[in-house]
Amino acid sequence: MNQPHIAFLGLGLMGSGMAARLLGGGFPLTVFNRNPDKARPLAAAGARVAASPREAAATADLIISMVADDNASRALWFGESGALAGARPGVIGIECSTVTVAWVRELAAAVTARGGHFLDAPVTGSRTHAAAGELTFLVGGDAATLETVRPVLAPMSKAVVHLGPTGGGALIKLINNFMCGVQVAALAEALTLIERSGLERARALEVLTGGAPGSPLVRTVAARMTAPDFTPNFLLRLMAKDLRYALQEGGRLGMEPATAAAALTVFQAGIAAGYGEQDIAAVVEPFRKK
């Protein structure tokens, strides 16, 4: 695919960085965001700003969506002003949002019914990885379609992993995020124990972050919790959403991930305490204040 025209829908913490990478890669780009103010930096850099997803899709060879959840994705793709209403035959739709497998399959069927092709391609990485083009794409769908769009994914990514048929990318992303949520919830409790115990915090954390529990995520979030710095990289409320979706998928497959359920309780407490719009590291604060 030689310099396709791209419609990018959703310019939040992740989407704004991804769209900027595409624009920097020389791709003709039209963007849409419910809050048009977020599109201004991209417009200043040369992107066209559309008034609706339908308008954005009208000239696009490829449509990329990056929003918060199933409902936000459905609102972009479906309806009279949705992207599919304006999509041309042969368009390739890519859903990068962290959404349910059921919604991905419904959306794939709708894109195919309009003569297009579809990939679910959620990403791992945070806001800083999006801005630096260091995301990993987890892709479900047709292998040939993936090969067609690899040059488009390249400016945004350090790796692209094909997970098989439609829904494979969406499912592994939820599994990935539920494991991340469990680690962050456990870290919040562990750090609170350290702080209340009288242990020297920095030295105690060196043991944890330098030993077996010290995953890259634990090391990164531990630094934010101790700073404290809750500048959003991954919104706390979105982790709660991902844990809920993972539990839904578990139910569909005949199991309930108990650790995901426990972590969800911790994140729901963070939301109830008013930290939903802050970074996932803020999940430690309700423990500190008990």
C-alpha atoms as a PDB file:
ATOM      1  CA  MET A   1       0.000   0.000   0.000  1.00  0.00           C
ATOM      2  CA  ASN A   2       1.740   3.146  -1.279  1.00  0.00           C
ATOM      3  CA  GLN A   3       1.128   6.199   0.936  1.00  0.00           C
ATOM      4  CA  PRO A   4      -2.513   5.428   1.765  1.00  0.00           C
ATOM      5  CA  HIS A   5      -4.755   8.161   3.064  1.00  0.00           C
ATOM      6  CA  ILE A   6      -5.426   7.451   6.748  1.00  0.00           C
ATOM      7  CA  ALA A   7      -8.351   8.468   8.934  1.00  0.00           C
ATOM      8  CA  PHE A   8      -7.397   8.418  12.609  1.00  0.00           C
ATOM      9  CA  LEU A   9     -10.251   8.508  15.118  1.00  0.00           C
ATOM     10  CA  GLY A  10      -9.550   9.323  18.764  1.00  0.00           C
ATOM     11  CA  LEU A  11      -6.806  11.642  20.005  1.00  0.00           C
ATOM     12  CA  GLY A  12      -6.456  10.793  23.684  1.00  0.00           C
ATOM     13  CA  LEU A  13      -3.273   9.962  25.565  1.00  0.00           C
ATOM     14  CA  MET A  14      -2.392   7.210  23.096  1.00  0.00           C
ATOM     15  CA  GLY A  15      -4.086   8.303  19.896  1.00  0.00           C
ATOM     16  CA  SER A  16      -2.505  11.746  19.754  1.00  0.00           C
ATOM     17  CA  GLY A  17       0.988  10.260  19.825  1.00  0.00           C
ATOM     18  CA  MET A  18       0.139   7.569  17.293  1.00  0.00           C
ATOM     19  CA  ALA A  19      -1.411  10.063  14.873  1.00  0.00           C
ATOM     20  CA  ALA A  20       1.617  12.340  15.201  1.00  0.00           C
ATOM     21  CA  ARG A  21       3.894   9.437  14.279  1.00  0.00           C
ATOM     22  CA  LEU A  22       1.854   8.765  11.135  1.00  0.00           C
ATOM     23  CA  LEU A  23       1.951  12.402  10.161  1.00  0.00           C
ATOM     24  CA  GLY A  24       5.699  12.464  10.743  1.00  0.00           C
ATOM     25  CA  GLY A  25       5.979   9.391   8.532  1.00  0.00           C
ATOM     26  CA  GLY A  26       4.538  11.341   5.619  1.00  0.00           C
ATOM     27  CA  PHE A  27       1.113   9.730   5.448  1.00  0.00           C
ATOM     28  CA  PRO A  28      -1.811  11.893   4.335  1.00  0.00           C
ATOM     29  CA  LEU A  29      -3.854  12.099   7.532  1.00  0.00           C
ATOM     30  CA  THR A  30      -7.357  13.136   8.503  1.00  0.00           C
ATOM     31  CA  VAL A  31      -8.205  13.120  12.199  1.00  0.00           C
ATOM     32  CA  PHE A  32     -11.350  13.230  14.278  1.00  0.00           C
ATOM     33  CA  ASN A  33     -11.820  13.709  17.996  1.00  0.00           C
ATOM     34  CA  ARG A  34     -14.976  14.523  19.954  1.00  0.00           C
ATOM     35  CA  ASN A  35     -13.104  17.409  21.560  1.00  0.00           C
ATOM     36  CA  PRO A  36     -11.671  19.268  18.552  1.00  0.00           C
ATOM     37  CA  ASP A  37      -9.176  21.155  20.711  1.00  0.00           C
ATOM     38  CA  LYS A  38      -7.065  17.992  20.887  1.00  0.00           C
ATOM     39  CA  ALA A  39      -6.729  18.040  17.105  1.00  0.00           C
ATOM     40  CA  ARG A  40      -5.146  21.494  16.946  1.00  0.00           C
ATOM     41  CA  PRO A  41      -1.486  20.418  17.278  1.00  0.00           C
ATOM     42  CA  LEU A  42      -1.958  17.871  14.492  1.00  0.00           C
ATOM     43  CA  ALA A  43      -3.764  20.402  12.316  1.00  0.00           C
ATOM     44  CA  ALA A  44      -0.854  22.795  12.789  1.00  0.00           C
ATOM     45  CA  ALA A  45       1.480  20.002  11.640  1.00  0.00           C
ATOM     46  CA  GLY A  46      -0.511  19.365   8.464  1.00  0.00           C
ATOM     47  CA  ALA A  47      -3.363  16.988   9.313  1.00  0.00           C
ATOM     48  CA  ARG A  48      -6.878  17.664   8.068  1.00  0.00           C
ATOM     49  CA  VAL A  49      -9.494  17.803  10.834  1.00  0.00           C
ATOM     50  CA  ALA A  50     -12.885  16.247  10.108  1.00  0.00           C
ATOM     51  CA  ALA A  51     -16.167  17.236  11.731  1.00  0.00           C
ATOM     52  CA  SER A  52     -17.328  13.615  12.056  1.00  0.00           C
ATOM     53  CA  PRO A  53     -15.996  10.064  11.717  1.00  0.00           C
ATOM     54  CA  ARG A  54     -18.011   9.772   8.505  1.00  0.00           C
ATOM     55  CA  GLU A  55     -16.264  12.782   7.009  1.00  0.00           C
ATOM     56  CA  ALA A  56     -12.872  11.474   8.109  1.00  0.00           C
ATOM     57  CA  ALA A  57     -13.516   8.093   6.490  1.00  0.00           C
ATOM     58  CA  ALA A  58     -14.850   9.439   3.193  1.00  0.00           C
ATOM     59  CA  THR A  59     -11.432   9.721   1.532  1.00  0.00           C
ATOM     60  CA  ALA A  60      -9.586   7.114   3.583  1.00  0.00           C
ATOM     61  CA  ASP A  61      -7.929   3.929   2.416  1.00  0.00           C
ATOM     62  CA  LEU A  62      -7.388   2.938   6.021  1.00  0.00           C
ATOM     63  CA  ILE A  63      -9.341   3.846   9.194  1.00  0.00           C
ATOM     64  CA  ILE A  64      -7.720   3.553  12.629  1.00  0.00           C
ATOM     65  CA  SER A  65      -9.645   3.897  15.876  1.00  0.00           C
ATOM     66  CA  MET A  66      -8.090   4.419  19.325  1.00  0.00           C
ATOM     67  CA  VAL A  67     -10.635   5.155  22.047  1.00  0.00           C
ATOM     68  CA  ALA A  68     -11.534   4.142  25.600  1.00  0.00           C
ATOM     69  CA  ASP A  69     -13.979   1.246  25.378  1.00  0.00           C
ATOM     70  CA  ASP A  70     -16.671  -0.649  23.443  1.00  0.00           C
ATOM     71  CA  ASN A  71     -19.210   2.173  23.682  1.00  0.00           C
ATOM     72  CA  ALA A  72     -16.811   4.829  22.442  1.00  0.00           C
ATOM     73  CA  SER A  73     -15.702   2.583  19.585  1.00  0.00           C
ATOM     74  CA  ARG A  74     -19.278   1.792  18.567  1.00  0.00           C
ATOM     75  CA  ALA A  75     -20.106   5.505  18.515  1.00  0.00           C
ATOM     76  CA  LEU A  76     -17.219   6.165  16.108  1.00  0.00           C
ATOM     77  CA  TRP A  77     -17.892   3.329  13.695  1.00  0.00           C
ATOM     78  CA  PHE A  78     -21.693   3.017  13.629  1.00  0.00           C
ATOM     79  CA  GLY A  79     -24.585   5.397  13.052  1.00  0.00           C
ATOM     80  CA  GLU A  80     -25.417   8.039  10.491  1.00  0.00           C
ATOM     81  CA  SER A  81     -22.249  10.034  11.205  1.00  0.00           C
ATOM     82  CA  GLY A  82     -20.086   6.975  11.903  1.00  0.00           C
ATOM     83  CA  ALA A  83     -17.026   5.950   9.944  1.00  0.00           C
ATOM     84  CA  LEU A  84     -18.716   3.021   8.228  1.00  0.00           C
ATOM     85  CA  ALA A  85     -21.382   5.299   6.783  1.00  0.00           C
ATOM     86  CA  GLY A  86     -18.642   7.113   4.874  1.00  0.00           C
ATOM     87  CA  ALA A  87     -16.267   4.228   4.207  1.00  0.00           C
ATOM     88  CA  ARG A  88     -15.404   3.266   0.653  1.00  0.00           C
ATOM     89  CA  PRO A  89     -15.385  -0.345  -0.617  1.00  0.00           C
ATOM     90  CA  GLY A  90     -12.009  -1.937  -0.016  1.00  0.00           C
ATOM     91  CA  VAL A  91     -11.223   0.178   3.049  1.00  0.00           C
ATOM     92  CA  ILE A  92      -9.158  -1.413   5.807  1.00  0.00           C
ATOM     93  CA  GLY A  93     -10.434  -0.841   9.337  1.00  0.00           C
ATOM     94  CA  ILE A  94      -8.063  -1.208  12.286  1.00  0.00           C
ATOM     95  CA  GLU A  95      -9.384  -1.146  15.842  1.00  0.00           C
ATOM     96  CA  CYS A  96      -6.507  -0.358  18.211  1.00  0.00           C
ATOM     97  CA  SER A  97      -8.649   0.235  21.281  1.00  0.00           C
ATOM     98  CA  THR A  98      -8.711  -2.203  24.198  1.00  0.00           C
ATOM     99  CA  VAL A  99     -12.185  -3.640  23.720  1.00  0.00           C
ATOM    100  CA  THR A 100     -14.062  -6.924  24.079  1.00  0.00           C
ATOM    101  CA  VAL A 101     -13.711  -9.830  21.689  1.00  0.00           C
ATOM    102  CA  ALA A 102     -17.477  -9.780  21.072  1.00  0.00           C
ATOM    103  CA  TRP A 103     -17.385  -6.163  19.906  1.00  0.00           C
ATOM    104  CA  VAL A 104     -14.337  -6.776  17.705  1.00  0.00           C
ATOM    105  CA  ARG A 105     -16.100  -9.630  15.960  1.00  0.00           C
ATOM    106  CA  GLU A 106     -19.255  -7.567  15.466  1.00  0.00           C
ATOM    107  CA  LEU A 107     -17.244  -4.701  14.045  1.00  0.00           C
ATOM    108  CA  ALA A 108     -15.246  -7.011  11.775  1.00  0.00           C
ATOM    109  CA  ALA A 109     -18.479  -8.411  10.341  1.00  0.00           C
ATOM    110  CA  ALA A 110     -19.809  -4.897   9.719  1.00  0.00           C
ATOM    111  CA  VAL A 111     -16.639  -3.758   7.942  1.00  0.00           C
ATOM    112  CA  THR A 112     -16.597  -6.913   5.815  1.00  0.00           C
ATOM    113  CA  ALA A 113     -20.275  -6.452   4.918  1.00  0.00           C
ATOM    114  CA  ARG A 114     -19.383  -3.072   3.431  1.00  0.00           C
ATOM    115  CA  GLY A 115     -16.691  -4.640   1.248  1.00  0.00           C
ATOM    116  CA  GLY A 116     -13.778  -3.811   3.513  1.00  0.00           C
ATOM    117  CA  HIS A 117     -11.130  -5.635   5.515  1.00  0.00           C
ATOM    118  CA  PHE A 118     -10.548  -5.566   9.259  1.00  0.00           C
ATOM    119  CA  LEU A 119      -7.845  -6.082  11.872  1.00  0.00           C
ATOM    120  CA  ASP A 120      -8.061  -5.881  15.636  1.00  0.00           C
ATOM    121  CA  ALA A 121      -4.710  -4.417  16.663  1.00  0.00           C
ATOM    122  CA  PRO A 122      -4.571  -3.197  20.262  1.00  0.00           C
ATOM    123  CA  VAL A 123      -1.211  -2.069  21.552  1.00  0.00           C
ATOM    124  CA  THR A 124       1.027  -2.499  24.547  1.00  0.00           C
ATOM    125  CA  GLY A 125       2.871   0.536  25.826  1.00  0.00           C
ATOM    126  CA  SER A 126       1.993   3.851  27.432  1.00  0.00           C
ATOM    127  CA  ARG A 127       1.655   7.464  26.333  1.00  0.00           C
ATOM    128  CA  THR A 128       5.427   7.879  26.098  1.00  0.00           C
ATOM    129  CA  HIS A 129       5.792   4.763  23.931  1.00  0.00           C
ATOM    130  CA  ALA A 130       3.055   6.046  21.603  1.00  0.00           C
ATOM    131  CA  ALA A 131       4.821   9.368  21.170  1.00  0.00           C
ATOM    132  CA  ALA A 132       8.163   7.639  20.514  1.00  0.00           C
ATOM    133  CA  GLY A 133       6.825   5.054  18.044  1.00  0.00           C
ATOM    134  CA  GLU A 134       7.679   2.176  20.381  1.00  0.00           C
ATOM    135  CA  LEU A 135       4.338   0.385  20.698  1.00  0.00           C
ATOM    136  CA  THR A 136       3.790  -3.329  20.178  1.00  0.00           C
ATOM    137  CA  PHE A 137       0.751  -4.157  18.046  1.00  0.00           C
ATOM    138  CA  LEU A 138      -1.158  -7.334  18.941  1.00  0.00           C
ATOM    139  CA  VAL A 139      -3.000  -8.229  15.764  1.00  0.00           C
ATOM    140  CA  GLY A 140      -5.931 -10.492  15.023  1.00  0.00           C
ATOM    141  CA  GLY A 141      -7.238 -11.008  11.491  1.00  0.00           C
ATOM    142  CA  ASP A 142      -6.154 -11.957   8.008  1.00  0.00           C
ATOM    143  CA  ALA A 143      -2.393 -12.323   7.584  1.00  0.00           C
ATOM    144  CA  ALA A 144      -2.423 -10.843   4.070  1.00  0.00           C
ATOM    145  CA  THR A 145      -4.245  -7.738   5.298  1.00  0.00           C
ATOM    146  CA  LEU A 146      -1.652  -7.351   8.029  1.00  0.00           C
ATOM    147  CA  GLU A 147       1.163  -7.489   5.481  1.00  0.00           C
ATOM    148  CA  THR A 148      -0.596  -4.772   3.486  1.00  0.00           C
ATOM    149  CA  VAL A 149      -0.677  -2.389   6.443  1.00  0.00           C
ATOM    150  CA  ARG A 150       2.735  -3.117   7.964  1.00  0.00           C
ATOM    151  CA  PRO A 151       4.259   0.065   6.440  1.00  0.00           C
ATOM    152  CA  VAL A 152       1.519   2.063   8.179  1.00  0.00           C
ATOM    153  CA  LEU A 153       2.120   0.390  11.540  1.00  0.00           C
ATOM    154  CA  ALA A 154       5.898   0.793  11.271  1.00  0.00           C
ATOM    155  CA  PRO A 155       6.202   4.475  12.354  1.00  0.00           C
ATOM    156  CA  MET A 156       4.133   3.722  15.457  1.00  0.00           C
ATOM    157  CA  SER A 157       5.734   0.453  16.552  1.00  0.00           C
ATOM    158  CA  LYS A 158       8.758  -1.477  17.676  1.00  0.00           C
ATOM    159  CA  ALA A 159       7.023  -4.826  17.026  1.00  0.00           C
ATOM    160  CA  VAL A 160       3.941  -6.290  15.368  1.00  0.00           C
ATOM    161  CA  VAL A 161       2.726  -9.690  16.586  1.00  0.00           C
ATOM    162  CA  HIS A 162       0.097 -11.673  14.687  1.00  0.00           C
ATOM    163  CA  LEU A 163      -2.159 -13.621  17.080  1.00  0.00           C
ATOM    164  CA  GLY A 164      -4.289 -15.472  14.537  1.00  0.00           C
ATOM    165  CA  PRO A 165      -7.919 -14.887  13.489  1.00  0.00           C
ATOM    166  CA  THR A 166     -10.123 -11.926  14.365  1.00  0.00           C
ATOM    167  CA  GLY A 167     -10.337 -11.441  18.126  1.00  0.00           C
ATOM    168  CA  GLY A 168      -6.902 -12.861  18.894  1.00  0.00           C
ATOM    169  CA  GLY A 169      -5.343  -9.461  19.380  1.00  0.00           C
ATOM    170  CA  ALA A 170      -8.217  -8.203  21.526  1.00  0.00           C
ATOM    171  CA  LEU A 171      -8.107 -11.258  23.790  1.00  0.00           C
ATOM    172  CA  ILE A 172      -4.370 -11.297  24.431  1.00  0.00           C
ATOM    173  CA  LYS A 173      -4.477  -7.544  25.151  1.00  0.00           C
ATOM    174  CA  LEU A 174      -7.080  -8.116  27.874  1.00  0.00           C
ATOM    175  CA  ILE A 175      -5.032 -10.966  29.323  1.00  0.00           C
ATOM    176  CA  ASN A 176      -1.926  -8.762  29.221  1.00  0.00           C
ATOM    177  CA  ASN A 177      -3.691  -5.898  30.966  1.00  0.00           C
ATOM    178  CA  PHE A 178      -5.305  -8.033  33.643  1.00  0.00           C
ATOM    179  CA  MET A 179      -1.848  -9.344  34.559  1.00  0.00           C
ATOM    180  CA  CYS A 180      -0.590  -5.749  34.682  1.00  0.00           C
ATOM    181  CA  GLY A 181      -3.514  -4.730  36.877  1.00  0.00           C
ATOM    182  CA  VAL A 182      -2.818  -7.579  39.290  1.00  0.00           C
ATOM    183  CA  GLN A 183       0.839  -6.528  39.573  1.00  0.00           C
ATOM    184  CA  VAL A 184      -0.020  -2.878  40.231  1.00  0.00           C
ATOM    185  CA  ALA A 185      -2.656  -3.780  42.832  1.00  0.00           C
ATOM    186  CA  ALA A 186      -0.181  -6.076  44.612  1.00  0.00           C
ATOM    187  CA  LEU A 187       2.486  -3.373  44.505  1.00  0.00           C
ATOM    188  CA  ALA A 188       0.095  -0.845  46.065  1.00  0.00           C
ATOM    189  CA  GLU A 189      -0.528  -3.183  48.993  1.00  0.00           C
ATOM    190  CA  ALA A 190       3.147  -4.107  49.341  1.00  0.00           C
ATOM    191  CA  LEU A 191       4.285  -0.486  49.344  1.00  0.00           C
ATOM    192  CA  THR A 192       1.704   0.391  51.986  1.00  0.00           C
ATOM    193  CA  LEU A 193       2.977  -2.446  54.187  1.00  0.00           C
ATOM    194  CA  ILE A 194       6.527  -1.128  53.783  1.00  0.00           C
ATOM    195  CA  GLU A 195       5.526   2.444  54.615  1.00  0.00           C
ATOM    196  CA  ARG A 196       3.559   1.449  57.717  1.00  0.00           C
ATOM    197  CA  SER A 197       6.136  -1.005  59.012  1.00  0.00           C
ATOM    198  CA  GLY A 198       9.034   1.320  59.635  1.00  0.00           C
ATOM    199  CA  LEU A 199      11.246  -0.325  57.023  1.00  0.00           C
ATOM    200  CA  GLU A 200      13.514   2.034  55.107  1.00  0.00           C
ATOM    201  CA  ARG A 201      11.395   2.434  52.001  1.00  0.00           C
ATOM    202  CA  ALA A 202      14.047   2.913  49.343  1.00  0.00           C
ATOM    203  CA  ARG A 203      16.065  -0.078  50.510  1.00  0.00           C
ATOM    204  CA  ALA A 204      12.984  -2.294  50.811  1.00  0.00           C
ATOM    205  CA  LEU A 205      11.887  -1.354  47.297  1.00  0.00           C
ATOM    206  CA  GLU A 206      15.341  -2.196  45.971  1.00  0.00           C
ATOM    207  CA  VAL A 207      14.783  -5.746  47.208  1.00  0.00           C
ATOM    208  CA  LEU A 208      11.425  -5.988  45.431  1.00  0.00           C
ATOM    209  CA  THR A 209      12.256  -4.211  42.186  1.00  0.00           C
ATOM    210  CA  GLY A 210      15.677  -5.853  41.882  1.00  0.00           C
ATOM    211  CA  GLY A 211      14.417  -9.348  42.643  1.00  0.00           C
ATOM    212  CA  ALA A 212      11.880 -11.782  41.255  1.00  0.00           C
ATOM    213  CA  PRO A 213       8.869  -9.426  41.636  1.00  0.00           C
ATOM    214  CA  GLY A 214      10.689  -6.645  39.766  1.00  0.00           C
ATOM    215  CA  SER A 215       9.018  -6.619  36.358  1.00  0.00           C
ATOM    216  CA  PRO A 216       9.506  -3.529  34.172  1.00  0.00           C
ATOM    217  CA  LEU A 217       5.978  -2.457  35.101  1.00  0.00           C
ATOM    218  CA  VAL A 218       6.596  -2.846  38.838  1.00  0.00           C
ATOM    219  CA  ARG A 219       9.824  -0.838  38.617  1.00  0.00           C
ATOM    220  CA  THR A 220       8.157   1.961  36.645  1.00  0.00           C
ATOM    221  CA  VAL A 221       5.032   2.206  38.772  1.00  0.00           C
ATOM    222  CA  ALA A 222       6.979   1.933  42.039  1.00  0.00           C
ATOM    223  CA  ALA A 223       8.884   5.077  41.077  1.00  0.00           C
ATOM    224  CA  ARG A 224       5.611   6.906  40.380  1.00  0.00           C
ATOM    225  CA  MET A 225       4.049   5.744  43.650  1.00  0.00           C
ATOM    226  CA  THR A 226       7.025   6.879  45.728  1.00  0.00           C
ATOM    227  CA  ALA A 227       7.472  10.258  43.984  1.00  0.00           C
ATOM    228  CA  PRO A 228       4.404  10.559  44.121  1.00  0.00           C
ATOM    229  CA  ASP A 229       3.683  11.395  40.479  1.00  0.00           C
ATOM    230  CA  PHE A 230       0.256  10.486  39.137  1.00  0.00           C
ATOM    231  CA  THR A 231       0.507  12.320  35.817  1.00  0.00           C
ATOM    232  CA  PRO A 232      -1.581  10.111  33.510  1.00  0.00           C
ATOM    233  CA  ASN A 233       0.286   7.586  31.413  1.00  0.00           C
ATOM    234  CA  PHE A 234      -2.448   4.959  31.759  1.00  0.00           C
ATOM    235  CA  LEU A 235      -5.684   6.159  33.352  1.00  0.00           C
ATOM    236  CA  LEU A 236      -6.717   4.304  36.493  1.00  0.00           C
ATOM    237  CA  ARG A 237     -10.347   4.053  35.356  1.00  0.00           C
ATOM    238  CA  LEU A 238      -9.281   2.409  32.098  1.00  0.00           C
ATOM    239  CA  MET A 239      -7.390  -0.297  33.969  1.00  0.00           C
ATOM    240  CA  ALA A 240     -10.600  -1.004  35.893  1.00  0.00           C
ATOM    241  CA  LYS A 241     -12.426  -1.263  32.568  1.00  0.00           C
ATOM    242  CA  ASP A 242      -9.841  -3.674  31.201  1.00  0.00           C
ATOM    243  CA  LEU A 243     -10.125  -5.861  34.294  1.00  0.00           C
ATOM    244  CA  ARG A 244     -13.921  -5.938  33.880  1.00  0.00           C
ATOM    245  CA  TYR A 245     -13.557  -6.919  30.233  1.00  0.00           C
ATOM    246  CA  ALA A 246     -11.044  -9.643  31.135  1.00  0.00           C
ATOM    247  CA  LEU A 247     -13.513 -11.053  33.647  1.00  0.00           C
ATOM    248  CA  GLN A 248     -16.204 -11.042  30.951  1.00  0.00           C
ATOM    249  CA  GLU A 249     -13.930 -12.993  28.620  1.00  0.00           C
ATOM    250  CA  GLY A 250     -13.139 -15.410  31.415  1.00  0.00           C
ATOM    251  CA  GLY A 251     -16.843 -16.025  31.920  1.00  0.00           C
ATOM    252  CA  ARG A 252     -17.291 -16.626  28.202  1.00  0.00           C
ATOM    253  CA  LEU A 253     -14.548 -19.260  28.376  1.00  0.00           C
ATOM    254  CA  GLY A 254     -15.952 -20.924  31.494  1.00  0.00           C
ATOM    255  CA  MET A 255     -13.695 -19.517  34.217  1.00  0.00           C
ATOM    256  CA  GLU A 256     -13.328 -16.507  36.499  1.00  0.00           C
ATOM    257  CA  PRO A 257      -9.786 -15.172  36.892  1.00  0.00           C
ATOM    258  CA  ALA A 258      -9.782 -14.727  40.671  1.00  0.00           C
ATOM    259  CA  THR A 259      -6.754 -12.450  40.722  1.00  0.00           C
ATOM    260  CA  ALA A 260      -8.374 -10.183  38.133  1.00  0.00           C
ATOM    261  CA  ALA A 261     -11.479  -9.958  40.322  1.00  0.00           C
ATOM    262  CA  ALA A 262      -9.377  -9.039  43.357  1.00  0.00           C
ATOM    263  CA  ALA A 263      -7.439  -6.403  41.407  1.00  0.00           C
ATOM    264  CA  LEU A 264     -10.673  -4.913  40.085  1.00  0.00           C
ATOM    265  CA  THR A 265     -11.836  -4.358  43.666  1.00  0.00           C
ATOM    266  CA  VAL A 266      -8.631  -2.424  44.350  1.00  0.00           C
ATOM    267  CA  PHE A 267      -9.029  -0.242  41.258  1.00  0.00           C
ATOM    268  CA  GLN A 268     -12.708   0.379  41.962  1.00  0.00           C
ATOM    269  CA  ALA A 269     -11.668   1.682  45.375  1.00  0.00           C
ATOM    270  CA  GLY A 270      -9.266   4.033  43.618  1.00  0.00           C
ATOM    271  CA  ILE A 271     -12.066   5.352  41.418  1.00  0.00           C
ATOM    272  CA  ALA A 272     -14.386   5.757  44.418  1.00  0.00           C
ATOM    273  CA  ALA A 273     -11.659   7.772  46.151  1.00  0.00           C
ATOM    274  CA  GLY A 274     -11.481  10.180  43.202  1.00  0.00           C
ATOM    275  CA  TYR A 275      -8.379   8.924  41.370  1.00  0.00           C
ATOM    276  CA  GLY A 276     -10.020   7.585  38.206  1.00  0.00           C
ATOM    277  CA  GLU A 277      -8.569  10.283  35.945  1.00  0.00           C
ATOM    278  CA  GLN A 278      -5.047   9.892  37.317  1.00  0.00           C
ATOM    279  CA  ASP A 279      -2.340   7.369  36.524  1.00  0.00           C
ATOM    280  CA  ILE A 280      -2.714   3.745  37.642  1.00  0.00           C
ATOM    281  CA  ALA A 281       0.002   4.437  40.239  1.00  0.00           C
ATOM    282  CA  ALA A 282      -2.579   6.444  42.199  1.00  0.00           C
ATOM    283  CA  VAL A 283      -4.245   3.179  43.201  1.00  0.00           C
ATOM    284  CA  VAL A 284      -1.883   3.190  46.201  1.00  0.00           C
ATOM    285  CA  GLU A 285      -3.467   6.324  47.718  1.00  0.00           C
ATOM    286  CA  PRO A 286      -6.620   4.753  49.229  1.00  0.00           C
ATOM    287  CA  PHE A 287      -4.380   2.278  51.085  1.00  0.00           C
ATOM    288  CA  ARG A 288      -2.187   5.087  52.385  1.00  0.00           C
ATOM    289  CA  LYS A 289      -5.199   7.000  53.698  1.00  0.00           C
ATOM    290  CA  LYS A 290      -6.880   4.146  55.563  1.00  0.00           C
END
